[in-house]
Amino acid sequence: MNLLVPHDGSEFANKTMDKAIDFCRKLGGGKVYSVVVVPDLCISFVGRDECNLLESTLQKEGNEIKNNVQGRLTEKGVDGQVMIKSGAPEKVILETADEVNADYIVMGASGSHGADARGVLGGVTCKVINTGKRSVIVIK
């Protein structure tokens, strides 16, 4: 079984990753793929220098998240791969799910902005559920 677990560095994402690891163990194996999406935030009125600084900072944060997630997978003895990609999070998640032939996408009810505290699903989670063709397991 292949699971795709998007990770944004939040505690919600850590909890979701732990649940996905538990699923793999209980099901007798499988592979956990994780994608860290570095959003493309450079817009036309931002200068090239500012854009380069922003991209560099986000890439550094993405690498830190990747290392944390890979360490978590290794520590738990689960076969896994962590990727960093750039773009619109929901689009990257859905494209990556296709690339790795994910049986399920496992996502937190909310991410780093904490929409779950308000009792609603996060925006990226909603977009993945509503626009994707794969089943999504939502972790609260």
N, C-alpha and C. Protein backbone atom coordinates (compact mmCIF):
# COMPACT_ATOMS: atom_id res chain seq x y z
N MET A 1 0.84 -1.18 0.00
CA MET A 1 0.00 0.00 0.00
C MET A 1 0.89 1.24 0.00
N ASN A 2 0.58 2.19 -0.85
CA ASN A 2 1.31 3.45 -0.92
C ASN A 2 0.45 4.56 -0.31
N LEU A 3 1.03 5.27 0.63
CA LEU A 3 0.36 6.41 1.24
C LEU A 3 1.15 7.67 0.93
N LEU A 4 0.44 8.74 0.61
CA LEU A 4 1.08 10.04 0.43
C LEU A 4 0.65 10.92 1.59
N VAL A 5 1.64 11.46 2.30
CA VAL A 5 1.38 12.32 3.45
C VAL A 5 2.05 13.67 3.21
N PRO A 6 1.27 14.68 2.83
CA PRO A 6 1.84 16.03 2.71
C PRO A 6 2.28 16.50 4.10
N HIS A 7 3.36 17.26 4.14
CA HIS A 7 3.87 17.73 5.44
C HIS A 7 4.28 19.18 5.33
N ASP A 8 3.77 20.01 6.25
CA ASP A 8 4.10 21.44 6.24
C ASP A 8 4.91 21.87 7.46
N GLY A 9 5.39 20.90 8.23
CA GLY A 9 6.20 21.22 9.40
C GLY A 9 5.40 21.47 10.66
N SER A 10 4.09 21.43 10.58
CA SER A 10 3.25 21.71 11.75
C SER A 10 3.10 20.48 12.63
N GLU A 11 2.64 20.70 13.85
CA GLU A 11 2.35 19.59 14.76
C GLU A 11 1.23 18.72 14.20
N PHE A 12 0.25 19.35 13.53
CA PHE A 12 -0.83 18.58 12.90
C PHE A 12 -0.23 17.59 11.89
N ALA A 13 0.74 18.05 11.12
CA ALA A 13 1.36 17.19 10.11
C ALA A 13 2.18 16.08 10.77
N ASN A 14 2.85 16.37 11.88
CA ASN A 14 3.58 15.33 12.62
C ASN A 14 2.63 14.25 13.11
N LYS A 15 1.49 14.66 13.65
CA LYS A 15 0.48 13.71 14.14
C LYS A 15 -0.04 12.87 12.97
N THR A 16 -0.27 13.50 11.85
CA THR A 16 -0.76 12.79 10.67
C THR A 16 0.28 11.78 10.19
N MET A 17 1.55 12.17 10.18
CA MET A 17 2.61 11.26 9.77
C MET A 17 2.67 10.05 10.70
N ASP A 18 2.55 10.28 12.00
CA ASP A 18 2.57 9.16 12.96
C ASP A 18 1.41 8.20 12.71
N LYS A 19 0.23 8.73 12.39
CA LYS A 19 -0.93 7.88 12.09
C LYS A 19 -0.69 7.08 10.81
N ALA A 20 -0.11 7.72 9.79
CA ALA A 20 0.18 7.01 8.54
C ALA A 20 1.19 5.89 8.78
N ILE A 21 2.19 6.16 9.59
CA ILE A 21 3.17 5.12 9.94
C ILE A 21 2.47 3.96 10.65
N ASP A 22 1.57 4.27 11.58
CA ASP A 22 0.80 3.23 12.27
C ASP A 22 -0.02 2.40 11.28
N PHE A 23 -0.66 3.07 10.30
CA PHE A 23 -1.44 2.35 9.28
C PHE A 23 -0.55 1.34 8.55
N CYS A 24 0.62 1.79 8.13
CA CYS A 24 1.53 0.91 7.40
C CYS A 24 1.92 -0.30 8.24
N ARG A 25 2.24 -0.05 9.48
CA ARG A 25 2.62 -1.16 10.37
C ARG A 25 1.47 -2.15 10.55
N LYS A 26 0.27 -1.64 10.79
CA LYS A 26 -0.89 -2.51 11.02
C LYS A 26 -1.29 -3.28 9.77
N LEU A 27 -1.04 -2.70 8.63
CA LEU A 27 -1.38 -3.36 7.37
C LEU A 27 -0.26 -4.26 6.87
N GLY A 28 0.81 -4.36 7.64
CA GLY A 28 1.89 -5.26 7.30
C GLY A 28 2.87 -4.73 6.28
N GLY A 29 2.93 -3.44 6.13
CA GLY A 29 3.92 -2.86 5.24
C GLY A 29 3.34 -1.86 4.27
N GLY A 30 4.16 -1.47 3.37
CA GLY A 30 3.77 -0.45 2.42
C GLY A 30 4.84 0.63 2.40
N LYS A 31 4.57 1.66 1.67
CA LYS A 31 5.54 2.75 1.56
C LYS A 31 4.83 4.06 1.84
N VAL A 32 5.48 4.87 2.64
CA VAL A 32 4.95 6.20 2.95
C VAL A 32 5.77 7.22 2.17
N TYR A 33 5.09 7.92 1.30
CA TYR A 33 5.69 9.03 0.58
C TYR A 33 5.24 10.30 1.27
N SER A 34 6.13 11.25 1.33
CA SER A 34 5.75 12.54 1.90
C SER A 34 6.23 13.63 0.96
N VAL A 35 5.40 14.66 0.83
CA VAL A 35 5.79 15.79 0.00
C VAL A 35 5.73 17.05 0.85
N VAL A 36 6.79 17.80 0.79
CA VAL A 36 6.88 19.12 1.42
C VAL A 36 6.76 20.12 0.27
N VAL A 37 5.71 20.93 0.33
CA VAL A 37 5.47 21.87 -0.75
C VAL A 37 5.99 23.25 -0.35
N VAL A 38 6.90 23.75 -1.15
CA VAL A 38 7.39 25.11 -0.97
C VAL A 38 6.54 25.98 -1.89
N PRO A 39 5.65 26.78 -1.30
CA PRO A 39 4.75 27.56 -2.15
C PRO A 39 5.50 28.61 -2.96
N ASP A 40 5.03 28.84 -4.16
CA ASP A 40 5.60 29.87 -5.01
C ASP A 40 4.89 31.18 -4.68
N LEU A 41 5.54 32.00 -3.87
CA LEU A 41 4.92 33.23 -3.38
C LEU A 41 5.40 34.48 -4.10
N CYS A 42 6.27 34.31 -5.07
CA CYS A 42 6.78 35.47 -5.79
C CYS A 42 5.71 35.99 -6.75
N ILE A 43 5.33 37.21 -6.53
CA ILE A 43 4.31 37.83 -7.38
C ILE A 43 4.92 39.03 -8.08
N SER A 44 4.23 39.54 -9.06
CA SER A 44 4.80 40.52 -9.98
C SER A 44 5.35 41.78 -9.32
N PHE A 45 4.77 42.24 -8.21
CA PHE A 45 5.26 43.49 -7.63
C PHE A 45 6.39 43.28 -6.62
N VAL A 46 6.85 42.05 -6.46
CA VAL A 46 7.99 41.77 -5.59
C VAL A 46 9.24 41.78 -6.46
N GLY A 47 10.26 42.49 -6.01
CA GLY A 47 11.50 42.55 -6.76
C GLY A 47 12.23 41.22 -6.80
N ARG A 48 13.10 41.05 -7.78
CA ARG A 48 13.84 39.79 -7.96
C ARG A 48 14.68 39.47 -6.72
N ASP A 49 15.35 40.46 -6.12
CA ASP A 49 16.17 40.19 -4.93
C ASP A 49 15.32 39.70 -3.77
N GLU A 50 14.16 40.36 -3.56
CA GLU A 50 13.26 39.94 -2.49
C GLU A 50 12.72 38.54 -2.76
N CYS A 51 12.40 38.29 -4.02
CA CYS A 51 11.88 36.98 -4.41
C CYS A 51 12.94 35.89 -4.15
N ASN A 52 14.18 36.15 -4.53
CA ASN A 52 15.26 35.19 -4.30
C ASN A 52 15.45 34.91 -2.81
N LEU A 53 15.38 35.95 -2.00
CA LEU A 53 15.52 35.78 -0.55
C LEU A 53 14.37 34.94 0.00
N LEU A 54 13.16 35.25 -0.44
CA LEU A 54 11.97 34.50 0.00
C LEU A 54 12.08 33.04 -0.41
N GLU A 55 12.43 32.78 -1.65
CA GLU A 55 12.58 31.41 -2.13
C GLU A 55 13.65 30.66 -1.36
N SER A 56 14.77 31.32 -1.09
CA SER A 56 15.86 30.70 -0.34
C SER A 56 15.42 30.33 1.07
N THR A 57 14.70 31.24 1.72
CA THR A 57 14.23 30.99 3.08
C THR A 57 13.24 29.83 3.10
N LEU A 58 12.30 29.82 2.17
CA LEU A 58 11.30 28.75 2.12
C LEU A 58 11.94 27.41 1.78
N GLN A 59 12.94 27.41 0.91
CA GLN A 59 13.64 26.17 0.56
C GLN A 59 14.39 25.63 1.77
N LYS A 60 15.02 26.51 2.54
CA LYS A 60 15.73 26.09 3.75
C LYS A 60 14.75 25.46 4.74
N GLU A 61 13.61 26.10 4.95
CA GLU A 61 12.59 25.53 5.84
C GLU A 61 12.10 24.19 5.32
N GLY A 62 11.92 24.09 4.00
CA GLY A 62 11.50 22.83 3.39
C GLY A 62 12.49 21.71 3.62
N ASN A 63 13.78 22.02 3.52
CA ASN A 63 14.82 21.02 3.77
C ASN A 63 14.82 20.57 5.23
N GLU A 64 14.58 21.49 6.16
CA GLU A 64 14.51 21.13 7.57
C GLU A 64 13.33 20.19 7.82
N ILE A 65 12.19 20.49 7.21
CA ILE A 65 11.02 19.63 7.35
C ILE A 65 11.31 18.26 6.74
N LYS A 66 11.92 18.24 5.56
CA LYS A 66 12.25 16.98 4.90
C LYS A 66 13.14 16.11 5.78
N ASN A 67 14.16 16.70 6.35
CA ASN A 67 15.08 15.94 7.22
C ASN A 67 14.36 15.40 8.44
N ASN A 68 13.46 16.20 9.02
CA ASN A 68 12.70 15.77 10.19
C ASN A 68 11.80 14.59 9.83
N VAL A 69 11.10 14.69 8.72
CA VAL A 69 10.19 13.62 8.32
C VAL A 69 10.96 12.36 7.96
N GLN A 70 12.07 12.49 7.23
CA GLN A 70 12.86 11.31 6.87
C GLN A 70 13.39 10.64 8.12
N GLY A 71 13.83 11.42 9.09
CA GLY A 71 14.29 10.87 10.36
C GLY A 71 13.20 10.11 11.08
N ARG A 72 12.00 10.65 11.06
CA ARG A 72 10.84 10.01 11.70
C ARG A 72 10.54 8.66 11.05
N LEU A 73 10.57 8.61 9.71
CA LEU A 73 10.33 7.36 9.00
C LEU A 73 11.41 6.33 9.31
N THR A 74 12.66 6.76 9.29
CA THR A 74 13.77 5.86 9.56
C THR A 74 13.70 5.33 10.99
N GLU A 75 13.42 6.21 11.94
CA GLU A 75 13.32 5.83 13.35
C GLU A 75 12.24 4.78 13.58
N LYS A 76 11.14 4.89 12.84
CA LYS A 76 10.01 3.96 12.99
C LYS A 76 10.17 2.71 12.12
N GLY A 77 11.23 2.67 11.31
CA GLY A 77 11.48 1.50 10.48
C GLY A 77 10.50 1.32 9.34
N VAL A 78 10.00 2.43 8.80
CA VAL A 78 9.02 2.38 7.72
C VAL A 78 9.70 2.80 6.42
N ASP A 79 9.43 2.04 5.36
CA ASP A 79 9.95 2.39 4.05
C ASP A 79 9.29 3.70 3.61
N GLY A 80 10.10 4.69 3.29
CA GLY A 80 9.52 5.97 2.91
C GLY A 80 10.46 6.82 2.08
N GLN A 81 9.85 7.81 1.47
CA GLN A 81 10.60 8.77 0.66
C GLN A 81 9.98 10.14 0.86
N VAL A 82 10.83 11.13 1.06
CA VAL A 82 10.37 12.50 1.26
C VAL A 82 10.87 13.35 0.11
N MET A 83 9.95 14.13 -0.47
CA MET A 83 10.28 14.98 -1.61
C MET A 83 9.95 16.43 -1.28
N ILE A 84 10.69 17.34 -1.87
CA ILE A 84 10.37 18.76 -1.79
C ILE A 84 10.01 19.21 -3.20
N LYS A 85 8.84 19.87 -3.30
CA LYS A 85 8.40 20.37 -4.60
C LYS A 85 7.88 21.79 -4.41
N SER A 86 7.85 22.52 -5.49
CA SER A 86 7.41 23.91 -5.45
C SER A 86 6.14 24.08 -6.26
N GLY A 87 5.24 24.95 -5.77
CA GLY A 87 4.03 25.24 -6.50
C GLY A 87 2.85 25.45 -5.58
N ALA A 88 1.66 25.40 -6.13
CA ALA A 88 0.42 25.51 -5.35
C ALA A 88 0.24 24.19 -4.59
N PRO A 89 0.11 24.24 -3.27
CA PRO A 89 0.10 23.00 -2.47
C PRO A 89 -0.89 21.94 -2.95
N GLU A 90 -2.16 22.31 -3.18
CA GLU A 90 -3.14 21.29 -3.56
C GLU A 90 -2.80 20.65 -4.91
N LYS A 91 -2.29 21.44 -5.84
CA LYS A 91 -1.92 20.92 -7.15
C LYS A 91 -0.73 19.98 -7.04
N VAL A 92 0.28 20.38 -6.28
CA VAL A 92 1.48 19.55 -6.10
C VAL A 92 1.12 18.24 -5.40
N ILE A 93 0.26 18.31 -4.39
CA ILE A 93 -0.15 17.10 -3.67
C ILE A 93 -0.84 16.12 -4.61
N LEU A 94 -1.78 16.61 -5.39
CA LEU A 94 -2.52 15.73 -6.31
C LEU A 94 -1.61 15.16 -7.40
N GLU A 95 -0.71 15.97 -7.94
CA GLU A 95 0.22 15.48 -8.96
C GLU A 95 1.16 14.43 -8.37
N THR A 96 1.63 14.67 -7.15
CA THR A 96 2.54 13.72 -6.50
C THR A 96 1.82 12.41 -6.20
N ALA A 97 0.56 12.49 -5.78
CA ALA A 97 -0.22 11.26 -5.53
C ALA A 97 -0.29 10.41 -6.79
N ASP A 98 -0.46 11.05 -7.94
CA ASP A 98 -0.47 10.31 -9.21
C ASP A 98 0.90 9.72 -9.51
N GLU A 99 1.95 10.51 -9.29
CA GLU A 99 3.32 10.05 -9.58
C GLU A 99 3.70 8.81 -8.78
N VAL A 100 3.31 8.76 -7.50
CA VAL A 100 3.70 7.64 -6.64
C VAL A 100 2.62 6.57 -6.58
N ASN A 101 1.55 6.76 -7.36
CA ASN A 101 0.43 5.83 -7.38
C ASN A 101 -0.08 5.57 -5.96
N ALA A 102 -0.37 6.65 -5.25
CA ALA A 102 -0.83 6.54 -3.86
C ALA A 102 -2.20 5.88 -3.80
N ASP A 103 -2.34 4.93 -2.89
CA ASP A 103 -3.65 4.34 -2.64
C ASP A 103 -4.53 5.32 -1.88
N TYR A 104 -3.90 6.06 -0.97
CA TYR A 104 -4.61 7.07 -0.19
C TYR A 104 -3.70 8.27 0.04
N ILE A 105 -4.32 9.43 0.14
CA ILE A 105 -3.63 10.62 0.61
C ILE A 105 -4.06 10.77 2.06
N VAL A 106 -3.09 10.90 2.95
CA VAL A 106 -3.39 11.03 4.38
C VAL A 106 -3.01 12.45 4.78
N MET A 107 -4.02 13.23 5.20
CA MET A 107 -3.80 14.64 5.52
C MET A 107 -4.39 14.98 6.87
N GLY A 108 -3.80 15.99 7.49
CA GLY A 108 -4.38 16.52 8.71
C GLY A 108 -5.61 17.35 8.39
N ALA A 109 -6.51 17.44 9.37
CA ALA A 109 -7.70 18.26 9.18
C ALA A 109 -7.32 19.70 8.91
N SER A 110 -6.19 20.11 9.45
CA SER A 110 -5.68 21.44 9.18
C SER A 110 -4.16 21.40 9.24
N GLY A 111 -3.57 22.47 8.77
CA GLY A 111 -2.11 22.53 8.75
C GLY A 111 -1.60 23.59 9.69
N SER A 112 -0.62 24.30 9.22
CA SER A 112 0.09 25.25 10.07
C SER A 112 -0.75 26.44 10.50
N HIS A 113 -1.89 26.66 9.85
CA HIS A 113 -2.73 27.80 10.23
C HIS A 113 -3.80 27.43 11.24
N GLY A 114 -3.93 26.15 11.55
CA GLY A 114 -4.79 25.71 12.63
C GLY A 114 -6.28 25.87 12.43
N ALA A 115 -6.79 25.67 11.22
CA ALA A 115 -8.23 25.79 10.98
C ALA A 115 -9.02 24.81 11.83
N ASP A 116 -8.43 23.65 12.16
CA ASP A 116 -9.13 22.65 12.95
C ASP A 116 -9.57 23.18 14.31
N ALA A 117 -8.82 24.13 14.86
CA ALA A 117 -9.19 24.71 16.15
C ALA A 117 -10.53 25.44 16.05
N ARG A 118 -10.90 25.84 14.85
CA ARG A 118 -12.18 26.51 14.63
C ARG A 118 -13.27 25.52 14.20
N GLY A 119 -12.92 24.23 14.13
CA GLY A 119 -13.89 23.21 13.76
C GLY A 119 -14.13 23.07 12.27
N VAL A 120 -13.21 23.56 11.45
CA VAL A 120 -13.35 23.44 10.00
C VAL A 120 -12.09 22.83 9.41
N LEU A 121 -12.24 22.27 8.23
CA LEU A 121 -11.07 21.73 7.54
C LEU A 121 -10.23 22.86 6.98
N GLY A 122 -8.93 22.63 6.93
CA GLY A 122 -8.04 23.60 6.33
C GLY A 122 -8.29 23.73 4.83
N GLY A 123 -7.87 24.85 4.28
CA GLY A 123 -8.12 25.15 2.87
C GLY A 123 -7.48 24.16 1.92
N VAL A 124 -6.24 23.78 2.17
CA VAL A 124 -5.56 22.84 1.27
C VAL A 124 -6.24 21.47 1.35
N THR A 125 -6.58 21.04 2.55
CA THR A 125 -7.26 19.75 2.71
C THR A 125 -8.57 19.74 1.94
N CYS A 126 -9.35 20.81 2.06
CA CYS A 126 -10.63 20.91 1.33
C CYS A 126 -10.41 20.83 -0.18
N LYS A 127 -9.42 21.54 -0.68
CA LYS A 127 -9.16 21.55 -2.12
C LYS A 127 -8.74 20.16 -2.61
N VAL A 128 -7.92 19.46 -1.83
CA VAL A 128 -7.49 18.13 -2.23
C VAL A 128 -8.68 17.17 -2.24
N ILE A 129 -9.52 17.25 -1.22
CA ILE A 129 -10.71 16.39 -1.16
C ILE A 129 -11.65 16.69 -2.32
N ASN A 130 -11.90 17.96 -2.57
CA ASN A 130 -12.91 18.36 -3.56
C ASN A 130 -12.46 18.25 -5.01
N THR A 131 -11.16 18.34 -5.27
CA THR A 131 -10.71 18.34 -6.66
C THR A 131 -9.97 17.07 -7.07
N GLY A 132 -9.56 16.28 -6.10
CA GLY A 132 -8.79 15.08 -6.43
C GLY A 132 -9.67 13.88 -6.72
N LYS A 133 -9.06 12.87 -7.33
CA LYS A 133 -9.79 11.64 -7.65
C LYS A 133 -9.44 10.51 -6.68
N ARG A 134 -8.46 10.74 -5.83
CA ARG A 134 -8.05 9.70 -4.89
C ARG A 134 -8.76 9.87 -3.55
N SER A 135 -8.89 8.78 -2.82
CA SER A 135 -9.48 8.85 -1.49
C SER A 135 -8.52 9.53 -0.55
N VAL A 136 -9.08 10.30 0.37
CA VAL A 136 -8.29 11.06 1.34
C VAL A 136 -8.70 10.62 2.74
N ILE A 137 -7.73 10.28 3.55
CA ILE A 137 -7.96 9.97 4.96
C ILE A 137 -7.59 11.23 5.72
N VAL A 138 -8.55 11.78 6.47
CA VAL A 138 -8.32 13.02 7.21
C VAL A 138 -8.12 12.68 8.68
N ILE A 139 -7.02 13.17 9.23
CA ILE A 139 -6.67 12.93 10.63
C ILE A 139 -7.01 14.17 11.44
N LYS A 140 -7.75 13.97 12.54
CA LYS A 140 -8.11 15.09 13.43
C LYS A 140 -7.17 15.11 14.62
